[in-house]
Amino acid sequence: LLFVDGEDYGPTPADMLLGAKHFARTVPRDDRPLYGVLVD
């Protein structure tokens, strides 16, 4: 269960989705899930 921060900071896309971007950059390649489901 991943609770990401900074999704909605904004006001432009450059300063949004920040937690998801950080997770995507740093998740080890050998520790990735089968797939993901986002609820919003």
Full PDB file with SEQRES, HELIX, SHEET, SSBOND, CRYST1, ORIGX, SCALE, CONECT and MASTER records, all heavy atoms in Angstrom:
SEQRES   1 A   40  LEU LEU PHE VAL ASP GLY GLU ASP TYR GLY PRO THR PRO          
SEQRES   2 A   40  ALA ASP MET LEU LEU GLY ALA LYS HIS PHE ALA ARG THR          
SEQRES   3 A   40  VAL PRO ARG ASP ASP ARG PRO LEU TYR GLY VAL LEU VAL          
SEQRES   4 A   40  ASP                                                          
HELIX    1 AA1 PRO A   13  ASP A   15  5                                   3    
HELIX    2 AA2 LEU A   18  THR A   26  1                                   9    
HELIX    3 AA3 ARG A   29  ASP A   31  5                                   3    
CRYST1    1.000    1.000    1.000  90.00  90.00  90.00 P 1           1          
ORIGX1      1.000000  0.000000  0.000000        0.00000                         
ORIGX2      0.000000  1.000000  0.000000        0.00000                         
ORIGX3      0.000000  0.000000  1.000000        0.00000                         
SCALE1      1.000000  0.000000  0.000000        0.00000                         
SCALE2      0.000000  1.000000  0.000000        0.00000                         
SCALE3      0.000000  0.000000  1.000000        0.00000                         
ATOM      1  N   LEU A   1       0.861  -1.179   0.000  1.00  0.00           N  
ATOM      2  CA  LEU A   1       0.000   0.000   0.000  1.00  0.00           C  
ATOM      3  C   LEU A   1       0.895   1.225   0.000  1.00  0.00           C  
ATOM      4  O   LEU A   1       1.645   1.456   0.956  1.00  0.00           O  
ATOM      5  CB  LEU A   1      -0.907   0.005   1.230  1.00  0.00           C  
ATOM      6  CG  LEU A   1      -1.832  -1.200   1.408  1.00  0.00           C  
ATOM      7  CD1 LEU A   1      -2.659  -1.049   2.676  1.00  0.00           C  
ATOM      8  CD2 LEU A   1      -2.745  -1.379   0.203  1.00  0.00           C  
ATOM      9  N   LEU A   2       0.832   2.009  -1.053  1.00  0.00           N  
ATOM     10  CA  LEU A   2       1.698   3.176  -1.206  1.00  0.00           C  
ATOM     11  C   LEU A   2       0.878   4.459  -1.116  1.00  0.00           C  
ATOM     12  O   LEU A   2      -0.018   4.690  -1.930  1.00  0.00           O  
ATOM     13  CB  LEU A   2       2.431   3.111  -2.540  1.00  0.00           C  
ATOM     14  CG  LEU A   2       3.326   4.307  -2.878  1.00  0.00           C  
ATOM     15  CD1 LEU A   2       4.437   4.479  -1.850  1.00  0.00           C  
ATOM     16  CD2 LEU A   2       3.905   4.155  -4.290  1.00  0.00           C  
ATOM     17  N   PHE A   3       1.192   5.264  -0.109  1.00  0.00           N  
ATOM     18  CA  PHE A   3       0.547   6.562   0.080  1.00  0.00           C  
ATOM     19  C   PHE A   3       1.549   7.629  -0.358  1.00  0.00           C  
ATOM     20  O   PHE A   3       2.542   7.874   0.323  1.00  0.00           O  
ATOM     21  CB  PHE A   3       0.162   6.754   1.550  1.00  0.00           C  
ATOM     22  CG  PHE A   3      -0.731   5.664   2.104  1.00  0.00           C  
ATOM     23  CD1 PHE A   3      -0.195   4.477   2.569  1.00  0.00           C  
ATOM     24  CD2 PHE A   3      -2.114   5.832   2.147  1.00  0.00           C  
ATOM     25  CE1 PHE A   3      -1.008   3.463   3.087  1.00  0.00           C  
ATOM     26  CE2 PHE A   3      -2.938   4.838   2.653  1.00  0.00           C  
ATOM     27  CZ  PHE A   3      -2.384   3.651   3.124  1.00  0.00           C  
ATOM     28  N   VAL A   4       1.290   8.236  -1.510  1.00  0.00           N  
ATOM     29  CA  VAL A   4       2.255   9.175  -2.072  1.00  0.00           C  
ATOM     30  C   VAL A   4       1.906  10.607  -1.678  1.00  0.00           C  
ATOM     31  O   VAL A   4       0.746  10.984  -1.551  1.00  0.00           O  
ATOM     32  CB  VAL A   4       2.368   9.051  -3.609  1.00  0.00           C  
ATOM     33  CG1 VAL A   4       3.003   7.739  -3.995  1.00  0.00           C  
ATOM     34  CG2 VAL A   4       1.018   9.219  -4.284  1.00  0.00           C  
ATOM     35  N   ASP A   5       2.936  11.386  -1.492  1.00  0.00           N  
ATOM     36  CA  ASP A   5       2.829  12.784  -1.079  1.00  0.00           C  
ATOM     37  C   ASP A   5       3.050  13.681  -2.295  1.00  0.00           C  
ATOM     38  O   ASP A   5       3.566  13.250  -3.328  1.00  0.00           O  
ATOM     39  CB  ASP A   5       3.894  13.058  -0.007  1.00  0.00           C  
ATOM     40  CG  ASP A   5       3.559  14.232   0.901  1.00  0.00           C  
ATOM     41  OD1 ASP A   5       2.581  14.957   0.623  1.00  0.00           O  
ATOM     42  OD2 ASP A   5       4.288  14.412   1.899  1.00  0.00           O  
ATOM     43  N   GLY A   6       2.623  14.929  -2.185  1.00  0.00           N  
ATOM     44  CA  GLY A   6       2.942  15.927  -3.192  1.00  0.00           C  
ATOM     45  C   GLY A   6       2.284  15.745  -4.542  1.00  0.00           C  
ATOM     46  O   GLY A   6       2.734  16.310  -5.536  1.00  0.00           O  
ATOM     47  N   GLU A   7       1.194  14.992  -4.598  1.00  0.00           N  
ATOM     48  CA  GLU A   7       0.502  14.818  -5.888  1.00  0.00           C  
ATOM     49  C   GLU A   7      -0.098  16.122  -6.373  1.00  0.00           C  
ATOM     50  O   GLU A   7      -0.096  16.423  -7.564  1.00  0.00           O  
ATOM     51  CB  GLU A   7      -0.599  13.751  -5.733  1.00  0.00           C  
ATOM     52  CG  GLU A   7      -1.288  13.365  -7.039  1.00  0.00           C  
ATOM     53  CD  GLU A   7      -2.552  14.171  -7.326  1.00  0.00           C  
ATOM     54  OE1 GLU A   7      -2.951  14.995  -6.485  1.00  0.00           O  
ATOM     55  OE2 GLU A   7      -3.129  13.973  -8.411  1.00  0.00           O  
ATOM     56  N   ASP A   8      -0.611  16.900  -5.452  1.00  0.00           N  
ATOM     57  CA  ASP A   8      -1.473  18.022  -5.830  1.00  0.00           C  
ATOM     58  C   ASP A   8      -0.866  19.387  -5.535  1.00  0.00           C  
ATOM     59  O   ASP A   8      -1.581  20.374  -5.471  1.00  0.00           O  
ATOM     60  CB  ASP A   8      -2.811  17.895  -5.083  1.00  0.00           C  
ATOM     61  CG  ASP A   8      -4.007  18.154  -5.991  1.00  0.00           C  
ATOM     62  OD1 ASP A   8      -3.797  18.456  -7.177  1.00  0.00           O  
ATOM     63  OD2 ASP A   8      -5.146  18.037  -5.501  1.00  0.00           O  
ATOM     64  N   TYR A   9       0.461  19.463  -5.352  1.00  0.00           N  
ATOM     65  CA  TYR A   9       1.041  20.736  -4.911  1.00  0.00           C  
ATOM     66  C   TYR A   9       0.845  21.819  -5.973  1.00  0.00           C  
ATOM     67  O   TYR A   9       0.199  22.817  -5.741  1.00  0.00           O  
ATOM     68  CB  TYR A   9       2.520  20.567  -4.549  1.00  0.00           C  
ATOM     69  CG  TYR A   9       3.012  21.666  -3.647  1.00  0.00           C  
ATOM     70  CD1 TYR A   9       2.915  21.542  -2.270  1.00  0.00           C  
ATOM     71  CD2 TYR A   9       3.549  22.839  -4.171  1.00  0.00           C  
ATOM     72  CE1 TYR A   9       3.339  22.553  -1.427  1.00  0.00           C  
ATOM     73  CE2 TYR A   9       3.975  23.862  -3.346  1.00  0.00           C  
ATOM     74  CZ  TYR A   9       3.868  23.717  -1.971  1.00  0.00           C  
ATOM     75  OH  TYR A   9       4.278  24.731  -1.144  1.00  0.00           O  
ATOM     76  N   GLY A  10       1.409  21.644  -7.117  1.00  0.00           N  
ATOM     77  CA  GLY A  10       1.168  22.532  -8.252  1.00  0.00           C  
ATOM     78  C   GLY A  10       1.765  23.929  -8.123  1.00  0.00           C  
ATOM     79  O   GLY A  10       2.675  24.156  -7.354  1.00  0.00           O  
ATOM     80  N   PRO A  11       1.199  24.872  -8.904  1.00  0.00           N  
ATOM     81  CA  PRO A  11      -0.024  24.698  -9.696  1.00  0.00           C  
ATOM     82  C   PRO A  11       0.161  24.028 -11.050  1.00  0.00           C  
ATOM     83  O   PRO A  11      -0.813  23.652 -11.687  1.00  0.00           O  
ATOM     84  CB  PRO A  11      -0.505  26.137  -9.895  1.00  0.00           C  
ATOM     85  CG  PRO A  11       0.747  26.953  -9.915  1.00  0.00           C  
ATOM     86  CD  PRO A  11       1.677  26.280  -8.935  1.00  0.00           C  
ATOM     87  N   THR A  12       1.406  23.862 -11.516  1.00  0.00           N  
ATOM     88  CA  THR A  12       1.623  23.279 -12.836  1.00  0.00           C  
ATOM     89  C   THR A  12       2.126  21.847 -12.695  1.00  0.00           C  
ATOM     90  O   THR A  12       2.595  21.432 -11.629  1.00  0.00           O  
ATOM     91  CB  THR A  12       2.654  24.110 -13.629  1.00  0.00           C  
ATOM     92  OG1 THR A  12       3.933  23.978 -12.980  1.00  0.00           O  
ATOM     93  CG2 THR A  12       2.243  25.573 -13.694  1.00  0.00           C  
ATOM     94  N   PRO A  13       2.071  21.058 -13.768  1.00  0.00           N  
ATOM     95  CA  PRO A  13       2.524  19.665 -13.692  1.00  0.00           C  
ATOM     96  C   PRO A  13       3.973  19.499 -13.244  1.00  0.00           C  
ATOM     97  O   PRO A  13       4.321  18.443 -12.713  1.00  0.00           O  
ATOM     98  CB  PRO A  13       2.324  19.162 -15.131  1.00  0.00           C  
ATOM     99  CG  PRO A  13       1.192  19.990 -15.656  1.00  0.00           C  
ATOM    100  CD  PRO A  13       1.397  21.344 -15.062  1.00  0.00           C  
ATOM    101  N   ALA A  14       4.805  20.512 -13.438  1.00  0.00           N  
ATOM    102  CA  ALA A  14       6.198  20.402 -13.003  1.00  0.00           C  
ATOM    103  C   ALA A  14       6.313  20.207 -11.496  1.00  0.00           C  
ATOM    104  O   ALA A  14       7.314  19.659 -11.012  1.00  0.00           O  
ATOM    105  CB  ALA A  14       6.976  21.652 -13.426  1.00  0.00           C  
ATOM    106  N   ASP A  15       5.305  20.644 -10.768  1.00  0.00           N  
ATOM    107  CA  ASP A  15       5.340  20.571  -9.308  1.00  0.00           C  
ATOM    108  C   ASP A  15       4.176  19.736  -8.772  1.00  0.00           C  
ATOM    109  O   ASP A  15       3.636  20.006  -7.700  1.00  0.00           O  
ATOM    110  CB  ASP A  15       5.304  21.986  -8.719  1.00  0.00           C  
ATOM    111  CG  ASP A  15       6.471  22.824  -9.212  1.00  0.00           C  
ATOM    112  OD1 ASP A  15       7.624  22.437  -8.934  1.00  0.00           O  
ATOM    113  OD2 ASP A  15       6.234  23.833  -9.909  1.00  0.00           O  
ATOM    114  N   MET A  16       3.816  18.704  -9.517  1.00  0.00           N  
ATOM    115  CA  MET A  16       2.768  17.769  -9.122  1.00  0.00           C  
ATOM    116  C   MET A  16       3.264  16.336  -9.303  1.00  0.00           C  
ATOM    117  O   MET A  16       4.329  16.109  -9.882  1.00  0.00           O  
ATOM    118  CB  MET A  16       1.490  18.009  -9.948  1.00  0.00           C  
ATOM    119  CG  MET A  16       0.869  19.383  -9.732  1.00  0.00           C  
ATOM    120  SD  MET A  16      -0.545  19.716 -10.826  1.00  0.00           S  
ATOM    121  CE  MET A  16      -1.716  18.480 -10.238  1.00  0.00           C  
ATOM    122  N   LEU A  17       2.531  15.386  -8.778  1.00  0.00           N  
ATOM    123  CA  LEU A  17       2.877  13.954  -8.854  1.00  0.00           C  
ATOM    124  C   LEU A  17       4.258  13.697  -8.246  1.00  0.00           C  
ATOM    125  O   LEU A  17       4.980  12.777  -8.662  1.00  0.00           O  
ATOM    126  CB  LEU A  17       2.848  13.453 -10.308  1.00  0.00           C  
ATOM    127  CG  LEU A  17       1.684  13.878 -11.196  1.00  0.00           C  
ATOM    128  CD1 LEU A  17       1.828  13.242 -12.578  1.00  0.00           C  
ATOM    129  CD2 LEU A  17       0.354  13.533 -10.587  1.00  0.00           C  
ATOM    130  N   LEU A  18       4.624  14.473  -7.235  1.00  0.00           N  
ATOM    131  CA  LEU A  18       6.003  14.462  -6.747  1.00  0.00           C  
ATOM    132  C   LEU A  18       6.356  13.144  -6.060  1.00  0.00           C  
ATOM    133  O   LEU A  18       7.440  12.600  -6.260  1.00  0.00           O  
ATOM    134  CB  LEU A  18       6.221  15.642  -5.805  1.00  0.00           C  
ATOM    135  CG  LEU A  18       5.953  17.025  -6.444  1.00  0.00           C  
ATOM    136  CD1 LEU A  18       6.089  18.127  -5.410  1.00  0.00           C  
ATOM    137  CD2 LEU A  18       6.895  17.264  -7.621  1.00  0.00           C  
ATOM    138  N   GLY A  19       5.451  12.631  -5.230  1.00  0.00           N  
ATOM    139  CA  GLY A  19       5.724  11.367  -4.569  1.00  0.00           C  
ATOM    140  C   GLY A  19       5.792  10.199  -5.533  1.00  0.00           C  
ATOM    141  O   GLY A  19       6.629   9.300  -5.390  1.00  0.00           O  
ATOM    142  N   ALA A  20       4.903  10.196  -6.517  1.00  0.00           N  
ATOM    143  CA  ALA A  20       4.917   9.128  -7.517  1.00  0.00           C  
ATOM    144  C   ALA A  20       6.186   9.188  -8.354  1.00  0.00           C  
ATOM    145  O   ALA A  20       6.789   8.154  -8.682  1.00  0.00           O  
ATOM    146  CB  ALA A  20       3.679   9.234  -8.409  1.00  0.00           C  
ATOM    147  N   LYS A  21       6.618  10.393  -8.703  1.00  0.00           N  
ATOM    148  CA  LYS A  21       7.859  10.543  -9.466  1.00  0.00           C  
ATOM    149  C   LYS A  21       9.053  10.042  -8.657  1.00  0.00           C  
ATOM    150  O   LYS A  21       9.945   9.370  -9.192  1.00  0.00           O  
ATOM    151  CB  LYS A  21       8.053  12.005  -9.866  1.00  0.00           C  
ATOM    152  CG  LYS A  21       7.067  12.521 -10.898  1.00  0.00           C  
ATOM    153  CD  LYS A  21       7.246  14.023 -11.118  1.00  0.00           C  
ATOM    154  CE  LYS A  21       6.239  14.577 -12.114  1.00  0.00           C  
ATOM    155  NZ  LYS A  21       6.345  16.052 -12.275  1.00  0.00           N  
ATOM    156  N   HIS A  22       9.070  10.374  -7.356  1.00  0.00           N  
ATOM    157  CA  HIS A  22      10.177   9.920  -6.514  1.00  0.00           C  
ATOM    158  C   HIS A  22      10.185   8.398  -6.409  1.00  0.00           C  
ATOM    159  O   HIS A  22      11.249   7.768  -6.524  1.00  0.00           O  
ATOM    160  CB  HIS A  22      10.059  10.546  -5.118  1.00  0.00           C  
ATOM    161  CG  HIS A  22      11.169  10.136  -4.199  1.00  0.00           C  
ATOM    162  ND1 HIS A  22      12.420  10.705  -4.252  1.00  0.00           N  
ATOM    163  CD2 HIS A  22      11.217   9.184  -3.224  1.00  0.00           C  
ATOM    164  CE1 HIS A  22      13.199  10.135  -3.340  1.00  0.00           C  
ATOM    165  NE2 HIS A  22      12.490   9.212  -2.709  1.00  0.00           N  
ATOM    166  N   PHE A  23       9.023   7.807  -6.196  1.00  0.00           N  
ATOM    167  CA  PHE A  23       8.940   6.352  -6.116  1.00  0.00           C  
ATOM    168  C   PHE A  23       9.408   5.717  -7.418  1.00  0.00           C  
ATOM    169  O   PHE A  23      10.184   4.745  -7.408  1.00  0.00           O  
ATOM    170  CB  PHE A  23       7.512   5.924  -5.804  1.00  0.00           C  
ATOM    171  CG  PHE A  23       7.310   4.432  -5.807  1.00  0.00           C  
ATOM    172  CD1 PHE A  23       7.700   3.661  -4.721  1.00  0.00           C  
ATOM    173  CD2 PHE A  23       6.724   3.795  -6.896  1.00  0.00           C  
ATOM    174  CE1 PHE A  23       7.521   2.277  -4.719  1.00  0.00           C  
ATOM    175  CE2 PHE A  23       6.542   2.426  -6.911  1.00  0.00           C  
ATOM    176  CZ  PHE A  23       6.945   1.660  -5.818  1.00  0.00           C  
ATOM    177  N   ALA A  24       8.950   6.240  -8.554  1.00  0.00           N  
ATOM    178  CA  ALA A  24       9.315   5.672  -9.849  1.00  0.00           C  
ATOM    179  C   ALA A  24      10.821   5.758 -10.094  1.00  0.00           C  
ATOM    180  O   ALA A  24      11.414   4.844 -10.686  1.00  0.00           O  
ATOM    181  CB  ALA A  24       8.550   6.388 -10.965  1.00  0.00           C  
ATOM    182  N   ARG A  25      11.445   6.832  -9.622  1.00  0.00           N  
ATOM    183  CA  ARG A  25      12.895   6.993  -9.807  1.00  0.00           C  
ATOM    184  C   ARG A  25      13.707   6.051  -8.930  1.00  0.00           C  
ATOM    185  O   ARG A  25      14.820   5.658  -9.297  1.00  0.00           O  
ATOM    186  CB  ARG A  25      13.324   8.436  -9.477  1.00  0.00           C  
ATOM    187  CG  ARG A  25      12.985   9.480 -10.504  1.00  0.00           C  
ATOM    188  CD  ARG A  25      13.761  10.759 -10.237  1.00  0.00           C  
ATOM    189  NE  ARG A  25      13.548  11.270  -8.880  1.00  0.00           N  
ATOM    190  CZ  ARG A  25      12.623  12.156  -8.543  1.00  0.00           C  
ATOM    191  NH1 ARG A  25      11.792  12.612  -9.475  1.00  0.00           N  
ATOM    192  NH2 ARG A  25      12.516  12.576  -7.293  1.00  0.00           N  
ATOM    193  N   THR A  26      13.181   5.716  -7.769  1.00  0.00           N  
ATOM    194  CA  THR A  26      13.997   5.046  -6.759  1.00  0.00           C  
ATOM    195  C   THR A  26      13.640   3.587  -6.495  1.00  0.00           C  
ATOM    196  O   THR A  26      14.416   2.895  -5.826  1.00  0.00           O  
ATOM    197  CB  THR A  26      13.908   5.816  -5.423  1.00  0.00           C  
ATOM    198  OG1 THR A  26      12.535   5.871  -4.988  1.00  0.00           O  
ATOM    199  CG2 THR A  26      14.447   7.234  -5.586  1.00  0.00           C  
ATOM    200  N   VAL A  27      12.511   3.092  -6.958  1.00  0.00           N  
ATOM    201  CA  VAL A  27      12.137   1.702  -6.671  1.00  0.00           C  
ATOM    202  C   VAL A  27      13.140   0.763  -7.340  1.00  0.00           C  
ATOM    203  O   VAL A  27      13.433   0.898  -8.536  1.00  0.00           O  
ATOM    204  CB  VAL A  27      10.692   1.403  -7.133  1.00  0.00           C  
ATOM    205  CG1 VAL A  27      10.514   1.607  -8.636  1.00  0.00           C  
ATOM    206  CG2 VAL A  27      10.281  -0.004  -6.718  1.00  0.00           C  
ATOM    207  N   PRO A  28      13.718  -0.173  -6.587  1.00  0.00           N  
ATOM    208  CA  PRO A  28      14.680  -1.102  -7.192  1.00  0.00           C  
ATOM    209  C   PRO A  28      14.031  -1.948  -8.283  1.00  0.00           C  
ATOM    210  O   PRO A  28      12.879  -2.373  -8.156  1.00  0.00           O  
ATOM    211  CB  PRO A  28      15.130  -1.973  -6.012  1.00  0.00           C  
ATOM    212  CG  PRO A  28      14.831  -1.159  -4.791  1.00  0.00           C  
ATOM    213  CD  PRO A  28      13.591  -0.377  -5.136  1.00  0.00           C  
ATOM    214  N   ARG A  29      14.765  -2.203  -9.328  1.00  0.00           N  
ATOM    215  CA  ARG A  29      14.216  -2.970 -10.442  1.00  0.00           C  
ATOM    216  C   ARG A  29      13.849  -4.389 -10.025  1.00  0.00           C  
ATOM    217  O   ARG A  29      12.915  -4.977 -10.581  1.00  0.00           O  
ATOM    218  CB  ARG A  29      15.228  -2.992 -11.602  1.00  0.00           C  
ATOM    219  CG  ARG A  29      14.702  -3.642 -12.873  1.00  0.00           C  
ATOM    220  CD  ARG A  29      15.563  -3.298 -14.055  1.00  0.00           C  
ATOM    221  NE  ARG A  29      15.449  -1.895 -14.397  1.00  0.00           N  
ATOM    222  CZ  ARG A  29      14.493  -1.385 -15.164  1.00  0.00           C  
ATOM    223  NH1 ARG A  29      13.544  -2.182 -15.641  1.00  0.00           N  
ATOM    224  NH2 ARG A  29      14.468  -0.112 -15.446  1.00  0.00           N  
ATOM    225  N   ASP A  30      14.554  -4.939  -9.025  1.00  0.00           N  
ATOM    226  CA  ASP A  30      14.256  -6.305  -8.590  1.00  0.00           C  
ATOM    227  C   ASP A  30      13.223  -6.338  -7.468  1.00  0.00           C  
ATOM    228  O   ASP A  30      12.990  -7.396  -6.884  1.00  0.00           O  
ATOM    229  CB  ASP A  30      15.536  -7.012  -8.141  1.00  0.00           C  
ATOM    230  CG  ASP A  30      16.208  -6.324  -6.950  1.00  0.00           C  
ATOM    231  OD1 ASP A  30      15.741  -5.240  -6.548  1.00  0.00           O  
ATOM    232  OD2 ASP A  30      17.197  -6.872  -6.431  1.00  0.00           O  
ATOM    233  N   ASP A  31      12.587  -5.201  -7.173  1.00  0.00           N  
ATOM    234  CA  ASP A  31      11.588  -5.157  -6.102  1.00  0.00           C  
ATOM    235  C   ASP A  31      10.299  -4.501  -6.595  1.00  0.00           C  
ATOM    236  O   ASP A  31       9.618  -3.801  -5.851  1.00  0.00           O  
ATOM    237  CB  ASP A  31      12.151  -4.399  -4.901  1.00  0.00           C  
ATOM    238  CG  ASP A  31      11.307  -4.605  -3.640  1.00  0.00           C  
ATOM    239  OD1 ASP A  31      10.709  -5.689  -3.493  1.00  0.00           O  
ATOM    240  OD2 ASP A  31      11.237  -3.668  -2.816  1.00  0.00           O  
ATOM    241  N   ARG A  32       9.987  -4.722  -7.854  1.00  0.00           N  
ATOM    242  CA  ARG A  32       8.815  -4.085  -8.440  1.00  0.00           C  
ATOM    243  C   ARG A  32       7.586  -4.997  -8.337  1.00  0.00           C  
ATOM    244  O   ARG A  32       7.713  -6.215  -8.383  1.00  0.00           O  
ATOM    245  CB  ARG A  32       9.071  -3.729  -9.907  1.00  0.00           C  
ATOM    246  CG  ARG A  32      10.136  -2.661 -10.071  1.00  0.00           C  
ATOM    247  CD  ARG A  32      10.291  -2.224 -11.500  1.00  0.00           C  
ATOM    248  NE  ARG A  32      11.154  -1.065 -11.618  1.00  0.00           N  
ATOM    249  CZ  ARG A  32      11.310  -0.363 -12.729  1.00  0.00           C  
ATOM    250  NH1 ARG A  32      10.658  -0.726 -13.837  1.00  0.00           N  
ATOM    251  NH2 ARG A  32      12.102   0.684 -12.753  1.00  0.00           N  
ATOM    252  N   PRO A  33       6.416  -4.380  -8.213  1.00  0.00           N  
ATOM    253  CA  PRO A  33       5.196  -5.188  -8.139  1.00  0.00           C  
ATOM    254  C   PRO A  33       4.805  -5.747  -9.494  1.00  0.00           C  
ATOM    255  O   PRO A  33       5.317  -5.322 -10.539  1.00  0.00           O  
ATOM    256  CB  PRO A  33       4.150  -4.177  -7.651  1.00  0.00           C  
ATOM    257  CG  PRO A  33       4.631  -2.872  -8.221  1.00  0.00           C  
ATOM    258  CD  PRO A  33       6.130  -2.939  -8.142  1.00  0.00           C  
ATOM    259  N   LEU A  34       3.889  -6.701  -9.439  1.00  0.00           N  
ATOM    260  CA  LEU A  34       3.324  -7.269 -10.665  1.00  0.00           C  
ATOM    261  C   LEU A  34       2.657  -6.176 -11.497  1.00  0.00           C  
ATOM    262  O   LEU A  34       2.860  -6.064 -12.704  1.00  0.00           O  
ATOM    263  CB  LEU A  34       2.300  -8.340 -10.286  1.00  0.00           C  
ATOM    264  CG  LEU A  34       1.724  -9.240 -11.352  1.00  0.00           C  
ATOM    265  CD1 LEU A  34       2.813 -10.136 -11.927  1.00  0.00           C  
ATOM    266  CD2 LEU A  34       0.587 -10.074 -10.776  1.00  0.00           C  
ATOM    267  N   TYR A  35       1.871  -5.343 -10.831  1.00  0.00           N  
ATOM    268  CA  TYR A  35       1.250  -4.178 -11.443  1.00  0.00           C  
ATOM    269  C   TYR A  35       0.686  -3.306 -10.330  1.00  0.00           C  
ATOM    270  O   TYR A  35       0.728  -3.673  -9.150  1.00  0.00           O  
ATOM    271  CB  TYR A  35       0.164  -4.561 -12.459  1.00  0.00           C  
ATOM    272  CG  TYR A  35      -1.037  -5.300 -11.893  1.00  0.00           C  
ATOM    273  CD1 TYR A  35      -2.137  -4.610 -11.388  1.00  0.00           C  
ATOM    274  CD2 TYR A  35      -1.093  -6.696 -11.912  1.00  0.00           C  
ATOM    275  CE1 TYR A  35      -3.246  -5.288 -10.887  1.00  0.00           C  
ATOM    276  CE2 TYR A  35      -2.190  -7.376 -11.420  1.00  0.00           C  
ATOM    277  CZ  TYR A  35      -3.266  -6.670 -10.905  1.00  0.00           C  
ATOM    278  OH  TYR A  35      -4.360  -7.332 -10.408  1.00  0.00           O  
ATOM    279  N   GLY A  36       0.184  -2.137 -10.709  1.00  0.00           N  
ATOM    280  CA  GLY A  36      -0.331  -1.204  -9.719  1.00  0.00           C  
ATOM    281  C   GLY A  36      -1.739  -0.733 -10.047  1.00  0.00           C  
ATOM    282  O   GLY A  36      -2.150  -0.706 -11.213  1.00  0.00           O  
ATOM    283  N   VAL A  37      -2.471  -0.365  -8.988  1.00  0.00           N  
ATOM    284  CA  VAL A  37      -3.805   0.229  -9.122  1.00  0.00           C  
ATOM    285  C   VAL A  37      -3.838   1.481  -8.260  1.00  0.00           C  
ATOM    286  O   VAL A  37      -3.626   1.420  -7.053  1.00  0.00           O  
ATOM    287  CB  VAL A  37      -4.922  -0.732  -8.680  1.00  0.00           C  
ATOM    288  CG1 VAL A  37      -6.294  -0.051  -8.796  1.00  0.00           C  
ATOM    289  CG2 VAL A  37      -4.894  -2.019  -9.490  1.00  0.00           C  
ATOM    290  N   LEU A  38      -4.075   2.613  -8.896  1.00  0.00           N  
ATOM    291  CA  LEU A  38      -4.222   3.895  -8.212  1.00  0.00           C  
ATOM    292  C   LEU A  38      -5.698   4.179  -7.998  1.00  0.00           C  
ATOM    293  O   LEU A  38      -6.516   3.953  -8.902  1.00  0.00           O  
ATOM    294  CB  LEU A  38      -3.601   5.000  -9.075  1.00  0.00           C  
ATOM    295  CG  LEU A  38      -3.880   6.454  -8.694  1.00  0.00           C  
ATOM    296  CD1 LEU A  38      -3.253   6.811  -7.351  1.00  0.00           C  
ATOM    297  CD2 LEU A  38      -3.373   7.392  -9.791  1.00  0.00           C  
ATOM    298  N   VAL A  39      -6.060   4.664  -6.797  1.00  0.00           N  
ATOM    299  CA  VAL A  39      -7.429   5.120  -6.553  1.00  0.00           C  
ATOM    300  C   VAL A  39      -7.374   6.595  -6.180  1.00  0.00           C  
ATOM    301  O   VAL A  39      -6.627   7.006  -5.301  1.00  0.00           O  
ATOM    302  CB  VAL A  39      -8.136   4.292  -5.452  1.00  0.00           C  
ATOM    303  CG1 VAL A  39      -8.497   2.921  -5.986  1.00  0.00           C  
ATOM    304  CG2 VAL A  39      -7.286   4.145  -4.197  1.00  0.00           C  
ATOM    305  N   ASP A  40      -8.187   7.400  -6.870  1.00  0.00           N  
ATOM    306  CA  ASP A  40      -8.185   8.848  -6.677  1.00  0.00           C  
ATOM    307  C   ASP A  40      -9.587   9.369  -6.981  1.00  0.00           C  
ATOM    308  O   ASP A  40     -10.211   8.941  -7.955  1.00  0.00           O  
ATOM    309  CB  ASP A  40      -7.154   9.487  -7.620  1.00  0.00           C  
ATOM    310  CG  ASP A  40      -6.860  10.941  -7.295  1.00  0.00           C  
ATOM    311  OD1 ASP A  40      -7.332  11.438  -6.249  1.00  0.00           O  
ATOM    312  OD2 ASP A  40      -6.151  11.590  -8.090  1.00  0.00           O  
TER     313      ASP A  40                                                      
MASTER        0    0    0    3    0    0    0    6  312    1    0    4          
END                                                                             
